[in-house]
Amino acid sequence: MDHEIKTWLYDILNAIMEIDSFFIDIPKNFSTYQKDLRTRRAGERNIEIIGEALNRIISKDSTIQITNARKIVDTRNRIIHGYDSVSDEIMWGIVLNHLPILQTEISDFLGE
């Protein structure tokens, strides 16, 4: 596997693990997430990193298939360029429903 692509895949995994680490000491539920500005902003930042890494991966090698890669990149763009329209509900849905799937898929790519 290309070294840059492998690095970006690890960046994605690290960002997902960092988001998960936010919930070690607090309940992993929407109301807790919504009330904690730092957790929300840190989660958004990590989703930006994930989206940028995926954008680099699919730009470098279009044969790599990652579920919802384009939607993740679009979400990254929305956070950055449409920051005033970012929905806590959508971000929470990504954290709860989509990141675990992405984590499994990336781990499979890396053979972990």
PDB file of N, CA and C in Angstrom:
ATOM      1  N   MET A   1       0.843  -1.175   0.000  1.00  0.00           N
ATOM      2  CA  MET A   1       0.000   0.000   0.000  1.00  0.00           C
ATOM      3  C   MET A   1       0.893   1.245   0.000  1.00  0.00           C
ATOM      4  N   ASP A   2       0.474   2.250  -0.732  1.00  0.00           N
ATOM      5  CA  ASP A   2       1.184   3.518  -0.804  1.00  0.00           C
ATOM      6  C   ASP A   2       1.368   4.113   0.598  1.00  0.00           C
ATOM      7  N   HIS A   3       2.564   4.629   0.866  1.00  0.00           N
ATOM      8  CA  HIS A   3       2.880   5.165   2.199  1.00  0.00           C
ATOM      9  C   HIS A   3       1.961   6.327   2.582  1.00  0.00           C
ATOM     10  N   GLU A   4       1.719   7.260   1.662  1.00  0.00           N
ATOM     11  CA  GLU A   4       0.842   8.395   1.976  1.00  0.00           C
ATOM     12  C   GLU A   4      -0.573   7.937   2.298  1.00  0.00           C
ATOM     13  N   ILE A   5      -1.083   7.024   1.512  1.00  0.00           N
ATOM     14  CA  ILE A   5      -2.442   6.527   1.746  1.00  0.00           C
ATOM     15  C   ILE A   5      -2.519   5.840   3.102  1.00  0.00           C
ATOM     16  N   LYS A   6      -1.522   5.050   3.422  1.00  0.00           N
ATOM     17  CA  LYS A   6      -1.489   4.381   4.723  1.00  0.00           C
ATOM     18  C   LYS A   6      -1.465   5.413   5.858  1.00  0.00           C
ATOM     19  N   THR A   7      -0.691   6.462   5.693  1.00  0.00           N
ATOM     20  CA  THR A   7      -0.623   7.531   6.699  1.00  0.00           C
ATOM     21  C   THR A   7      -1.989   8.175   6.879  1.00  0.00           C
ATOM     22  N   TRP A   8      -2.669   8.462   5.786  1.00  0.00           N
ATOM     23  CA  TRP A   8      -3.990   9.091   5.861  1.00  0.00           C
ATOM     24  C   TRP A   8      -5.016   8.156   6.491  1.00  0.00           C
ATOM     25  N   LEU A   9      -4.899   6.868   6.206  1.00  0.00           N
ATOM     26  CA  LEU A   9      -5.804   5.898   6.847  1.00  0.00           C
ATOM     27  C   LEU A   9      -5.597   5.899   8.360  1.00  0.00           C
ATOM     28  N   TYR A  10      -4.344   5.965   8.779  1.00  0.00           N
ATOM     29  CA  TYR A  10      -4.072   6.043  10.221  1.00  0.00           C
ATOM     30  C   TYR A  10      -4.570   7.365  10.812  1.00  0.00           C
ATOM     31  N   ASP A  11      -4.486   8.437  10.046  1.00  0.00           N
ATOM     32  CA  ASP A  11      -5.039   9.713  10.522  1.00  0.00           C
ATOM     33  C   ASP A  11      -6.537   9.593  10.781  1.00  0.00           C
ATOM     34  N   ILE A  12      -7.220   8.880   9.908  1.00  0.00           N
ATOM     35  CA  ILE A  12      -8.664   8.660  10.084  1.00  0.00           C
ATOM     36  C   ILE A  12      -8.922   7.860  11.353  1.00  0.00           C
ATOM     37  N   LEU A  13      -8.189   6.769  11.515  1.00  0.00           N
ATOM     38  CA  LEU A  13      -8.363   5.953  12.722  1.00  0.00           C
ATOM     39  C   LEU A  13      -8.089   6.752  13.989  1.00  0.00           C
ATOM     40  N   ASN A  14      -7.018   7.535  13.978  1.00  0.00           N
ATOM     41  CA  ASN A  14      -6.685   8.338  15.155  1.00  0.00           C
ATOM     42  C   ASN A  14      -7.774   9.355  15.460  1.00  0.00           C
ATOM     43  N   ALA A  15      -8.343   9.971  14.442  1.00  0.00           N
ATOM     44  CA  ALA A  15      -9.412  10.945  14.660  1.00  0.00           C
ATOM     45  C   ALA A  15     -10.652  10.268  15.246  1.00  0.00           C
ATOM     46  N   ILE A  16     -10.975   9.093  14.762  1.00  0.00           N
ATOM     47  CA  ILE A  16     -12.124   8.350  15.296  1.00  0.00           C
ATOM     48  C   ILE A  16     -11.874   7.977  16.757  1.00  0.00           C
ATOM     49  N   MET A  17     -10.671   7.492  17.049  1.00  0.00           N
ATOM     50  CA  MET A  17     -10.349   7.114  18.426  1.00  0.00           C
ATOM     51  C   MET A  17     -10.364   8.332  19.356  1.00  0.00           C
ATOM     52  N   GLU A  18      -9.938   9.472  18.840  1.00  0.00           N
ATOM     53  CA  GLU A  18      -9.974  10.684  19.663  1.00  0.00           C
ATOM     54  C   GLU A  18     -11.422  11.068  19.981  1.00  0.00           C
ATOM     55  N   ILE A  19     -12.296  10.992  18.995  1.00  0.00           N
ATOM     56  CA  ILE A  19     -13.708  11.281  19.251  1.00  0.00           C
ATOM     57  C   ILE A  19     -14.248  10.315  20.306  1.00  0.00           C
ATOM     58  N   ASP A  20     -13.941   9.043  20.171  1.00  0.00           N
ATOM     59  CA  ASP A  20     -14.392   8.056  21.167  1.00  0.00           C
ATOM     60  C   ASP A  20     -13.857   8.394  22.558  1.00  0.00           C
ATOM     61  N   SER A  21     -12.646   8.912  22.619  1.00  0.00           N
ATOM     62  CA  SER A  21     -12.042   9.212  23.926  1.00  0.00           C
ATOM     63  C   SER A  21     -12.765  10.337  24.654  1.00  0.00           C
ATOM     64  N   PHE A  22     -13.504  11.166  23.945  1.00  0.00           N
ATOM     65  CA  PHE A  22     -14.243  12.252  24.591  1.00  0.00           C
ATOM     66  C   PHE A  22     -15.319  11.724  25.526  1.00  0.00           C
ATOM     67  N   PHE A  23     -15.717  10.486  25.306  1.00  0.00           N
ATOM     68  CA  PHE A  23     -16.834   9.923  26.061  1.00  0.00           C
ATOM     69  C   PHE A  23     -16.394   8.917  27.117  1.00  0.00           C
ATOM     70  N   ILE A  24     -15.137   8.945  27.467  1.00  0.00           N
ATOM     71  CA  ILE A  24     -14.645   8.056  28.515  1.00  0.00           C
ATOM     72  C   ILE A  24     -15.228   8.454  29.862  1.00  0.00           C
ATOM     73  N   ASP A  25     -15.255   9.749  30.133  1.00  0.00           N
ATOM     74  CA  ASP A  25     -15.704  10.239  31.444  1.00  0.00           C
ATOM     75  C   ASP A  25     -17.099  10.840  31.439  1.00  0.00           C
ATOM     76  N   ILE A  26     -17.730  10.892  30.285  1.00  0.00           N
ATOM     77  CA  ILE A  26     -19.088  11.442  30.215  1.00  0.00           C
ATOM     78  C   ILE A  26     -19.984  10.461  29.472  1.00  0.00           C
ATOM     79  N   PRO A  27     -21.288  10.503  29.737  1.00  0.00           N
ATOM     80  CA  PRO A  27     -22.192   9.588  29.031  1.00  0.00           C
ATOM     81  C   PRO A  27     -22.184   9.854  27.525  1.00  0.00           C
ATOM     82  N   LYS A  28     -22.255   8.786  26.761  1.00  0.00           N
ATOM     83  CA  LYS A  28     -22.279   8.919  25.303  1.00  0.00           C
ATOM     84  C   LYS A  28     -23.736   9.009  24.858  1.00  0.00           C
ATOM     85  N   ASN A  29     -24.297  10.195  25.063  1.00  0.00           N
ATOM     86  CA  ASN A  29     -25.666  10.438  24.603  1.00  0.00           C
ATOM     87  C   ASN A  29     -25.764  11.847  24.044  1.00  0.00           C
ATOM     88  N   PHE A  30     -26.817  12.073  23.276  1.00  0.00           N
ATOM     89  CA  PHE A  30     -26.949  13.323  22.546  1.00  0.00           C
ATOM     90  C   PHE A  30     -27.027  14.535  23.457  1.00  0.00           C
ATOM     91  N   SER A  31     -27.786  14.447  24.522  1.00  0.00           N
ATOM     92  CA  SER A  31     -27.945  15.636  25.371  1.00  0.00           C
ATOM     93  C   SER A  31     -26.621  16.047  26.010  1.00  0.00           C
ATOM     94  N   THR A  32     -25.817  15.087  26.410  1.00  0.00           N
ATOM     95  CA  THR A  32     -24.499  15.393  26.970  1.00  0.00           C
ATOM     96  C   THR A  32     -23.621  16.026  25.896  1.00  0.00           C
ATOM     97  N   TYR A  33     -23.634  15.441  24.718  1.00  0.00           N
ATOM     98  CA  TYR A  33     -22.864  15.972  23.591  1.00  0.00           C
ATOM     99  C   TYR A  33     -23.290  17.406  23.270  1.00  0.00           C
ATOM    100  N   GLN A  34     -24.577  17.616  23.178  1.00  0.00           N
ATOM    101  CA  GLN A  34     -25.092  18.919  22.782  1.00  0.00           C
ATOM    102  C   GLN A  34     -24.764  20.016  23.797  1.00  0.00           C
ATOM    103  N   LYS A  35     -24.686  19.668  25.054  1.00  0.00           N
ATOM    104  CA  LYS A  35     -24.407  20.657  26.103  1.00  0.00           C
ATOM    105  C   LYS A  35     -22.915  20.987  26.237  1.00  0.00           C
ATOM    106  N   ASP A  36     -22.052  20.179  25.647  1.00  0.00           N
ATOM    107  CA  ASP A  36     -20.610  20.354  25.823  1.00  0.00           C
ATOM    108  C   ASP A  36     -19.986  20.944  24.555  1.00  0.00           C
ATOM    109  N   LEU A  37     -19.820  22.253  24.549  1.00  0.00           N
ATOM    110  CA  LEU A  37     -19.297  22.954  23.379  1.00  0.00           C
ATOM    111  C   LEU A  37     -17.922  22.428  22.964  1.00  0.00           C
ATOM    112  N   ARG A  38     -17.051  22.173  23.926  1.00  0.00           N
ATOM    113  CA  ARG A  38     -15.706  21.701  23.580  1.00  0.00           C
ATOM    114  C   ARG A  38     -15.750  20.342  22.887  1.00  0.00           C
ATOM    115  N   THR A  39     -16.598  19.461  23.369  1.00  0.00           N
ATOM    116  CA  THR A  39     -16.710  18.145  22.740  1.00  0.00           C
ATOM    117  C   THR A  39     -17.271  18.280  21.328  1.00  0.00           C
ATOM    118  N   ARG A  40     -18.271  19.128  21.167  1.00  0.00           N
ATOM    119  CA  ARG A  40     -18.846  19.330  19.831  1.00  0.00           C
ATOM    120  C   ARG A  40     -17.801  19.871  18.862  1.00  0.00           C
ATOM    121  N   ARG A  41     -17.086  20.899  19.287  1.00  0.00           N
ATOM    122  CA  ARG A  41     -16.088  21.509  18.398  1.00  0.00           C
ATOM    123  C   ARG A  41     -14.930  20.556  18.114  1.00  0.00           C
ATOM    124  N   ALA A  42     -14.502  19.828  19.110  1.00  0.00           N
ATOM    125  CA  ALA A  42     -13.419  18.859  18.900  1.00  0.00           C
ATOM    126  C   ALA A  42     -13.883  17.730  17.977  1.00  0.00           C
ATOM    127  N   GLY A  43     -15.125  17.313  18.124  1.00  0.00           N
ATOM    128  CA  GLY A  43     -15.677  16.295  17.224  1.00  0.00           C
ATOM    129  C   GLY A  43     -15.737  16.800  15.793  1.00  0.00           C
ATOM    130  N   GLU A  44     -16.199  18.028  15.632  1.00  0.00           N
ATOM    131  CA  GLU A  44     -16.252  18.629  14.295  1.00  0.00           C
ATOM    132  C   GLU A  44     -14.854  18.700  13.690  1.00  0.00           C
ATOM    133  N   ARG A  45     -13.882  19.100  14.483  1.00  0.00           N
ATOM    134  CA  ARG A  45     -12.507  19.189  13.981  1.00  0.00           C
ATOM    135  C   ARG A  45     -11.996  17.825  13.522  1.00  0.00           C
ATOM    136  N   ASN A  46     -12.283  16.807  14.278  1.00  0.00           N
ATOM    137  CA  ASN A  46     -11.841  15.469  13.891  1.00  0.00           C
ATOM    138  C   ASN A  46     -12.568  14.977  12.654  1.00  0.00           C
ATOM    139  N   ILE A  47     -13.823  15.343  12.495  1.00  0.00           N
ATOM    140  CA  ILE A  47     -14.551  14.977  11.271  1.00  0.00           C
ATOM    141  C   ILE A  47     -13.962  15.740  10.077  1.00  0.00           C
ATOM    142  N   GLU A  48     -13.509  16.970  10.297  1.00  0.00           N
ATOM    143  CA  GLU A  48     -12.804  17.698   9.236  1.00  0.00           C
ATOM    144  C   GLU A  48     -11.549  16.925   8.819  1.00  0.00           C
ATOM    145  N   ILE A  49     -10.796  16.458   9.795  1.00  0.00           N
ATOM    146  CA  ILE A  49      -9.566  15.698   9.510  1.00  0.00           C
ATOM    147  C   ILE A  49      -9.898  14.430   8.733  1.00  0.00           C
ATOM    148  N   ILE A  50     -10.923  13.725   9.170  1.00  0.00           N
ATOM    149  CA  ILE A  50     -11.340  12.500   8.477  1.00  0.00           C
ATOM    150  C   ILE A  50     -11.711  12.813   7.032  1.00  0.00           C
ATOM    151  N   GLY A  51     -12.497  13.864   6.842  1.00  0.00           N
ATOM    152  CA  GLY A  51     -12.914  14.242   5.494  1.00  0.00           C
ATOM    153  C   GLY A  51     -11.753  14.649   4.609  1.00  0.00           C
ATOM    154  N   GLU A  52     -10.807  15.391   5.156  1.00  0.00           N
ATOM    155  CA  GLU A  52      -9.638  15.804   4.378  1.00  0.00           C
ATOM    156  C   GLU A  52      -8.776  14.598   4.020  1.00  0.00           C
ATOM    157  N   ALA A  53      -8.580  13.699   4.967  1.00  0.00           N
ATOM    158  CA  ALA A  53      -7.786  12.489   4.685  1.00  0.00           C
ATOM    159  C   ALA A  53      -8.458  11.650   3.597  1.00  0.00           C
ATOM    160  N   LEU A  54      -9.766  11.495   3.689  1.00  0.00           N
ATOM    161  CA  LEU A  54     -10.486  10.735   2.654  1.00  0.00           C
ATOM    162  C   LEU A  54     -10.394  11.423   1.303  1.00  0.00           C
ATOM    163  N   ASN A  55     -10.493  12.734   1.290  1.00  0.00           N
ATOM    164  CA  ASN A  55     -10.376  13.473   0.032  1.00  0.00           C
ATOM    165  C   ASN A  55      -9.013  13.224  -0.607  1.00  0.00           C
ATOM    166  N   ARG A  56      -7.973  13.234   0.195  1.00  0.00           N
ATOM    167  CA  ARG A  56      -6.625  12.974  -0.322  1.00  0.00           C
ATOM    168  C   ARG A  56      -6.502  11.552  -0.853  1.00  0.00           C
ATOM    169  N   ILE A  57      -7.091  10.611  -0.117  1.00  0.00           N
ATOM    170  CA  ILE A  57      -7.018   9.199  -0.530  1.00  0.00           C
ATOM    171  C   ILE A  57      -7.709   9.000  -1.870  1.00  0.00           C
ATOM    172  N   ILE A  58      -8.948   9.471  -1.989  1.00  0.00           N
ATOM    173  CA  ILE A  58      -9.687   9.220  -3.240  1.00  0.00           C
ATOM    174  C   ILE A  58      -9.130  10.043  -4.404  1.00  0.00           C
ATOM    175  N   SER A  59      -8.469  11.156  -4.106  1.00  0.00           N
ATOM    176  CA  SER A  59      -7.819  11.931  -5.172  1.00  0.00           C
ATOM    177  C   SER A  59      -6.569  11.218  -5.679  1.00  0.00           C
ATOM    178  N   LYS A  60      -5.871  10.555  -4.775  1.00  0.00           N
ATOM    179  CA  LYS A  60      -4.628   9.875  -5.153  1.00  0.00           C
ATOM    180  C   LYS A  60      -4.891   8.516  -5.817  1.00  0.00           C
ATOM    181  N   ASP A  61      -5.912   7.808  -5.321  1.00  0.00           N
ATOM    182  CA  ASP A  61      -6.194   6.477  -5.856  1.00  0.00           C
ATOM    183  C   ASP A  61      -7.705   6.257  -5.878  1.00  0.00           C
ATOM    184  N   SER A  62      -8.294   6.492  -7.025  1.00  0.00           N
ATOM    185  CA  SER A  62      -9.758   6.394  -7.149  1.00  0.00           C
ATOM    186  C   SER A  62     -10.265   4.954  -7.085  1.00  0.00           C
ATOM    187  N   THR A  63      -9.356   3.981  -7.083  1.00  0.00           N
ATOM    188  CA  THR A  63      -9.801   2.588  -6.983  1.00  0.00           C
ATOM    189  C   THR A  63     -10.096   2.180  -5.550  1.00  0.00           C
ATOM    190  N   ILE A  64      -9.651   2.970  -4.587  1.00  0.00           N
ATOM    191  CA  ILE A  64      -9.930   2.655  -3.185  1.00  0.00           C
ATOM    192  C   ILE A  64     -11.372   3.011  -2.886  1.00  0.00           C
ATOM    193  N   GLN A  65     -12.112   2.028  -2.456  1.00  0.00           N
ATOM    194  CA  GLN A  65     -13.537   2.200  -2.184  1.00  0.00           C
ATOM    195  C   GLN A  65     -13.786   2.230  -0.684  1.00  0.00           C
ATOM    196  N   ILE A  66     -14.231   3.368  -0.188  1.00  0.00           N
ATOM    197  CA  ILE A  66     -14.586   3.529   1.216  1.00  0.00           C
ATOM    198  C   ILE A  66     -16.037   3.994   1.254  1.00  0.00           C
ATOM    199  N   THR A  67     -16.845   3.286   2.001  1.00  0.00           N
ATOM    200  CA  THR A  67     -18.274   3.587   2.069  1.00  0.00           C
ATOM    201  C   THR A  67     -18.497   5.040   2.461  1.00  0.00           C
ATOM    202  N   ASN A  68     -19.337   5.706   1.694  1.00  0.00           N
ATOM    203  CA  ASN A  68     -19.736   7.096   1.950  1.00  0.00           C
ATOM    204  C   ASN A  68     -18.578   8.089   1.946  1.00  0.00           C
ATOM    205  N   ALA A  69     -17.486   7.761   1.263  1.00  0.00           N
ATOM    206  CA  ALA A  69     -16.330   8.662   1.244  1.00  0.00           C
ATOM    207  C   ALA A  69     -16.719  10.051   0.740  1.00  0.00           C
ATOM    208  N   ARG A  70     -17.472  10.110  -0.326  1.00  0.00           N
ATOM    209  CA  ARG A  70     -17.858  11.407  -0.892  1.00  0.00           C
ATOM    210  C   ARG A  70     -18.715  12.190   0.088  1.00  0.00           C
ATOM    211  N   LYS A  71     -19.631  11.514   0.783  1.00  0.00           N
ATOM    212  CA  LYS A  71     -20.491  12.197   1.762  1.00  0.00           C
ATOM    213  C   LYS A  71     -19.669  12.717   2.940  1.00  0.00           C
ATOM    214  N   ILE A  72     -18.652  11.966   3.329  1.00  0.00           N
ATOM    215  CA  ILE A  72     -17.800  12.399   4.430  1.00  0.00           C
ATOM    216  C   ILE A  72     -17.004  13.638   4.021  1.00  0.00           C
ATOM    217  N   VAL A  73     -16.487  13.636   2.809  1.00  0.00           N
ATOM    218  CA  VAL A  73     -15.762  14.811   2.303  1.00  0.00           C
ATOM    219  C   VAL A  73     -16.718  16.003   2.222  1.00  0.00           C
ATOM    220  N   ASP A  74     -17.936  15.762   1.752  1.00  0.00           N
ATOM    221  CA  ASP A  74     -18.929  16.847   1.686  1.00  0.00           C
ATOM    222  C   ASP A  74     -19.254  17.395   3.073  1.00  0.00           C
ATOM    223  N   THR A  75     -19.309  16.516   4.072  1.00  0.00           N
ATOM    224  CA  THR A  75     -19.561  16.959   5.449  1.00  0.00           C
ATOM    225  C   THR A  75     -18.403  17.815   5.933  1.00  0.00           C
ATOM    226  N   ARG A  76     -17.195  17.417   5.634  1.00  0.00           N
ATOM    227  CA  ARG A  76     -16.014  18.213   5.981  1.00  0.00           C
ATOM    228  C   ARG A  76     -16.125  19.606   5.372  1.00  0.00           C
ATOM    229  N   ASN A  77     -16.506  19.669   4.107  1.00  0.00           N
ATOM    230  CA  ASN A  77     -16.641  20.956   3.438  1.00  0.00           C
ATOM    231  C   ASN A  77     -17.741  21.807   4.073  1.00  0.00           C
ATOM    232  N   ARG A  78     -18.801  21.165   4.472  1.00  0.00           N
ATOM    233  CA  ARG A  78     -19.901  21.901   5.108  1.00  0.00           C
ATOM    234  C   ARG A  78     -19.465  22.483   6.452  1.00  0.00           C
ATOM    235  N   ILE A  79     -18.733  21.704   7.232  1.00  0.00           N
ATOM    236  CA  ILE A  79     -18.257  22.196   8.528  1.00  0.00           C
ATOM    237  C   ILE A  79     -17.361  23.419   8.316  1.00  0.00           C
ATOM    238  N   ILE A  80     -16.485  23.334   7.332  1.00  0.00           N
ATOM    239  CA  ILE A  80     -15.529  24.413   7.103  1.00  0.00           C
ATOM    240  C   ILE A  80     -16.185  25.631   6.449  1.00  0.00           C
ATOM    241  N   HIS A  81     -16.967  25.398   5.404  1.00  0.00           N
ATOM    242  CA  HIS A  81     -17.479  26.518   4.617  1.00  0.00           C
ATOM    243  C   HIS A  81     -18.892  26.941   5.009  1.00  0.00           C
ATOM    244  N   GLY A  82     -19.632  26.040   5.616  1.00  0.00           N
ATOM    245  CA  GLY A  82     -20.996  26.367   6.026  1.00  0.00           C
ATOM    246  C   GLY A  82     -21.154  26.198   7.517  1.00  0.00           C
ATOM    247  N   TYR A  83     -20.132  26.628   8.247  1.00  0.00           N
ATOM    248  CA  TYR A  83     -20.076  26.424   9.693  1.00  0.00           C
ATOM    249  C   TYR A  83     -21.353  26.856  10.407  1.00  0.00           C
ATOM    250  N   ASP A  84     -22.045  27.844   9.864  1.00  0.00           N
ATOM    251  CA  ASP A  84     -23.244  28.354  10.519  1.00  0.00           C
ATOM    252  C   ASP A  84     -24.466  27.473  10.293  1.00  0.00           C
ATOM    253  N   SER A  85     -24.308  26.446   9.460  1.00  0.00           N
ATOM    254  CA  SER A  85     -25.439  25.551   9.213  1.00  0.00           C
ATOM    255  C   SER A  85     -25.161  24.119   9.665  1.00  0.00           C
ATOM    256  N   VAL A  86     -24.132  23.949  10.488  1.00  0.00           N
ATOM    257  CA  VAL A  86     -23.803  22.617  10.999  1.00  0.00           C
ATOM    258  C   VAL A  86     -24.823  22.239  12.069  1.00  0.00           C
ATOM    259  N   SER A  87     -25.390  21.072  11.915  1.00  0.00           N
ATOM    260  CA  SER A  87     -26.427  20.595  12.818  1.00  0.00           C
ATOM    261  C   SER A  87     -25.842  19.638  13.852  1.00  0.00           C
ATOM    262  N   ASP A  88     -26.134  19.908  15.127  1.00  0.00           N
ATOM    263  CA  ASP A  88     -25.688  18.998  16.186  1.00  0.00           C
ATOM    264  C   ASP A  88     -26.258  17.598  15.970  1.00  0.00           C
ATOM    265  N   GLU A  89     -27.486  17.524  15.512  1.00  0.00           N
ATOM    266  CA  GLU A  89     -28.129  16.228  15.288  1.00  0.00           C
ATOM    267  C   GLU A  89     -27.408  15.422  14.218  1.00  0.00           C
ATOM    268  N   ILE A  90     -27.015  16.095  13.139  1.00  0.00           N
ATOM    269  CA  ILE A  90     -26.297  15.399  12.065  1.00  0.00           C
ATOM    270  C   ILE A  90     -24.923  14.958  12.548  1.00  0.00           C
ATOM    271  N   MET A  91     -24.220  15.841  13.240  1.00  0.00           N
ATOM    272  CA  MET A  91     -22.895  15.480  13.752  1.00  0.00           C
ATOM    273  C   MET A  91     -22.997  14.295  14.708  1.00  0.00           C
ATOM    274  N   TRP A  92     -23.995  14.313  15.579  1.00  0.00           N
ATOM    275  CA  TRP A  92     -24.171  13.213  16.529  1.00  0.00           C
ATOM    276  C   TRP A  92     -24.486  11.916  15.785  1.00  0.00           C
ATOM    277  N   GLY A  93     -25.315  12.002  14.764  1.00  0.00           N
ATOM    278  CA  GLY A  93     -25.624  10.819  13.961  1.00  0.00           C
ATOM    279  C   GLY A  93     -24.385  10.234  13.317  1.00  0.00           C
ATOM    280  N   ILE A  94     -23.493  11.099  12.859  1.00  0.00           N
ATOM    281  CA  ILE A  94     -22.234  10.638  12.269  1.00  0.00           C
ATOM    282  C   ILE A  94     -21.391   9.931  13.325  1.00  0.00           C
ATOM    283  N   VAL A  95     -21.262  10.568  14.481  1.00  0.00           N
ATOM    284  CA  VAL A  95     -20.459   9.990  15.566  1.00  0.00           C
ATOM    285  C   VAL A  95     -21.012   8.632  15.980  1.00  0.00           C
ATOM    286  N   LEU A  96     -22.306   8.558  16.144  1.00  0.00           N
ATOM    287  CA  LEU A  96     -22.933   7.354  16.684  1.00  0.00           C
ATOM    288  C   LEU A  96     -23.092   6.239  15.648  1.00  0.00           C
ATOM    289  N   ASN A  97     -23.469   6.596  14.429  1.00  0.00           N
ATOM    290  CA  ASN A  97     -23.852   5.584  13.436  1.00  0.00           C
ATOM    291  C   ASN A  97     -22.815   5.310  12.354  1.00  0.00           C
ATOM    292  N   HIS A  98     -22.086   6.329  11.942  1.00  0.00           N
ATOM    293  CA  HIS A  98     -21.221   6.168  10.776  1.00  0.00           C
ATOM    294  C   HIS A  98     -19.748   5.946  11.115  1.00  0.00           C
ATOM    295  N   LEU A  99     -19.270   6.571  12.176  1.00  0.00           N
ATOM    296  CA  LEU A  99     -17.851   6.397  12.504  1.00  0.00           C
ATOM    297  C   LEU A  99     -17.482   4.967  12.892  1.00  0.00           C
ATOM    298  N   PRO A 100     -18.343   4.239  13.609  1.00  0.00           N
ATOM    299  CA  PRO A 100     -17.978   2.836  13.897  1.00  0.00           C
ATOM    300  C   PRO A 100     -17.821   1.996  12.623  1.00  0.00           C
ATOM    301  N   ILE A 101     -18.666   2.242  11.642  1.00  0.00           N
ATOM    302  CA  ILE A 101     -18.570   1.515  10.365  1.00  0.00           C
ATOM    303  C   ILE A 101     -17.275   1.902   9.658  1.00  0.00           C
ATOM    304  N   LEU A 102     -16.993   3.195   9.620  1.00  0.00           N
ATOM    305  CA  LEU A 102     -15.768   3.677   8.986  1.00  0.00           C
ATOM    306  C   LEU A 102     -14.538   3.107   9.682  1.00  0.00           C
ATOM    307  N   GLN A 103     -14.569   3.059  11.008  1.00  0.00           N
ATOM    308  CA  GLN A 103     -13.438   2.526  11.770  1.00  0.00           C
ATOM    309  C   GLN A 103     -13.170   1.073  11.394  1.00  0.00           C
ATOM    310  N   THR A 104     -14.215   0.290  11.302  1.00  0.00           N
ATOM    311  CA  THR A 104     -14.066  -1.119  10.919  1.00  0.00           C
ATOM    312  C   THR A 104     -13.501  -1.244   9.511  1.00  0.00           C
ATOM    313  N   GLU A 105     -14.025  -0.451   8.605  1.00  0.00           N
ATOM    314  CA  GLU A 105     -13.579  -0.511   7.215  1.00  0.00           C
ATOM    315  C   GLU A 105     -12.104  -0.106   7.079  1.00  0.00           C
ATOM    316  N   ILE A 106     -11.715   0.965   7.757  1.00  0.00           N
ATOM    317  CA  ILE A 106     -10.319   1.414   7.688  1.00  0.00           C
ATOM    318  C   ILE A 106      -9.385   0.393   8.332  1.00  0.00           C
ATOM    319  N   SER A 107      -9.811  -0.165   9.463  1.00  0.00           N
ATOM    320  CA  SER A 107      -9.003  -1.200  10.128  1.00  0.00           C
ATOM    321  C   SER A 107      -8.815  -2.404   9.218  1.00  0.00           C
ATOM    322  N   ASP A 108      -9.857  -2.772   8.477  1.00  0.00           N
ATOM    323  CA  ASP A 108      -9.749  -3.878   7.522  1.00  0.00           C
ATOM    324  C   ASP A 108      -8.744  -3.552   6.423  1.00  0.00           C
ATOM    325  N   PHE A 109      -8.785  -2.318   5.914  1.00  0.00           N
ATOM    326  CA  PHE A 109      -7.812  -1.901   4.894  1.00  0.00           C
ATOM    327  C   PHE A 109      -6.394  -2.041   5.411  1.00  0.00           C
ATOM    328  N   LEU A 110      -6.199  -1.685   6.660  1.00  0.00           N
ATOM    329  CA  LEU A 110      -4.865  -1.707   7.257  1.00  0.00           C
ATOM    330  C   LEU A 110      -4.495  -3.083   7.795  1.00  0.00           C
ATOM    331  N   GLY A 111      -5.434  -4.019   7.768  1.00  0.00           N
ATOM    332  CA  GLY A 111      -5.157  -5.354   8.257  1.00  0.00           C
ATOM    333  C   GLY A 111      -5.038  -5.438   9.767  1.00  0.00           C
ATOM    334  N   GLU A 112      -5.784  -4.577  10.470  1.00  0.00           N
ATOM    335  CA  GLU A 112      -5.708  -4.557  11.945  1.00  0.00           C
ATOM    336  C   GLU A 112      -6.952  -5.168  12.553  1.00  0.00           C
TER     337      GLU A 112
END
